[in-house]
Protein backbone atom coordinates (compact mmCIF):
# COMPACT_ATOMS: atom_id res chain seq x y z
CA MET A 1 -33.87 -2.82 -38.28
CA LEU A 2 -34.02 -0.62 -35.20
CA ILE A 3 -33.11 -3.54 -32.94
CA LEU A 4 -30.04 -4.37 -35.05
CA LYS A 5 -28.82 -0.75 -34.94
CA THR A 6 -29.25 -0.68 -31.17
CA LYS A 7 -27.20 -3.88 -30.77
CA GLU A 8 -24.49 -2.52 -33.06
CA MET A 9 -24.22 0.66 -30.98
CA LEU A 10 -24.30 -1.20 -27.68
CA SER A 11 -21.07 -3.17 -28.22
CA PRO A 12 -18.72 -0.17 -28.54
CA LEU A 13 -20.53 1.57 -25.69
CA MET A 14 -20.08 -1.44 -23.40
CA PHE A 15 -16.41 -1.64 -24.38
CA ILE A 16 -15.87 2.04 -23.57
CA ILE A 17 -17.63 1.78 -20.20
CA GLY A 18 -15.69 -1.39 -19.33
CA PHE A 19 -12.43 0.25 -20.31
CA ILE A 20 -13.20 3.28 -18.12
CA ILE A 21 -13.96 1.02 -15.14
CA PHE A 22 -10.76 -0.97 -15.75
CA LEU A 23 -8.73 2.24 -16.05
CA CYS A 24 -10.13 3.58 -12.76
CA TYR A 25 -9.32 0.26 -11.06
CA MET A 26 -5.73 0.26 -12.32
CA ILE A 27 -5.16 3.89 -11.31
CA GLY A 28 -6.49 3.13 -7.82
CA LEU A 29 -4.35 0.00 -7.53
CA LEU A 30 -1.16 1.81 -8.54
CA TYR A 31 -1.98 4.71 -6.18
CA MET A 32 -2.42 2.33 -3.23
CA ILE A 33 0.85 0.51 -4.05
CA LYS A 34 2.73 3.83 -4.17
CA LYS A 35 1.12 5.00 -0.94
CA SER A 36 2.07 1.74 0.80
CA HIS A 37 5.68 1.96 -0.37
CA ASP A 38 5.97 5.56 0.81
CA ASP A 39 4.51 4.60 4.20
CA GLN A 40 6.98 1.72 4.57
CA ARG A 41 9.89 3.99 3.66
CA ARG A 42 8.78 6.56 6.24
CA ARG A 43 8.45 3.86 8.92
CA ARG A 44 11.88 2.41 8.08
CA GLU A 45 13.48 5.85 8.37
CA SER A 46 11.83 6.52 11.73
CA ASP A 47 12.92 3.06 12.95
CA MET A 48 16.51 3.86 11.98
CA LYS A 49 16.35 7.00 14.13
CA ARG A 50 15.08 4.92 17.06
CA MET A 51 17.74 2.23 16.52
CA LYS A 52 20.43 4.73 17.49
CA ASN A 53 19.08 4.77 21.08
CA ILE A 54 19.09 0.99 21.57
CA ASP A 55 20.36 -0.50 24.80
CA GLU A 56 23.47 -2.46 23.80
CA ASN A 57 23.17 -4.80 26.81
CA ASP A 58 19.71 -5.97 25.76
CA TYR A 59 20.64 -8.86 23.47
CA ASP A 60 17.21 -10.47 23.02
CA GLY A 61 15.19 -7.26 22.68
CA GLY A 62 12.89 -8.14 25.57
CA GLY A 63 13.87 -5.25 27.78
CA ASN A 64 15.14 -5.30 31.36
CA TRP A 65 13.12 -7.97 33.17
CA GLY A 66 15.51 -8.20 36.13
CA ARG A 67 15.28 -6.53 39.50
CA PHE A 68 18.40 -4.47 39.03
CA ASP A 69 19.09 -1.60 36.64
CA ASN A 70 21.89 -1.80 34.10
CA GLN A 71 24.79 0.31 35.29
């Protein structure tokens, strides 16, 4: 009888513990997704600020590899 009561109590307990672990995992996953999106947005905004200072003569983006400066 004691063994049967222990098994009956163990199933809900295992479900609750599993649910808590799953909930922690999902909260962490959603937090990391939000953090990544915010980081990408911040990088995109800082890149837009840098794009204003682009050299318009540099068509391929490789920089000035010649001997002479652009004048």
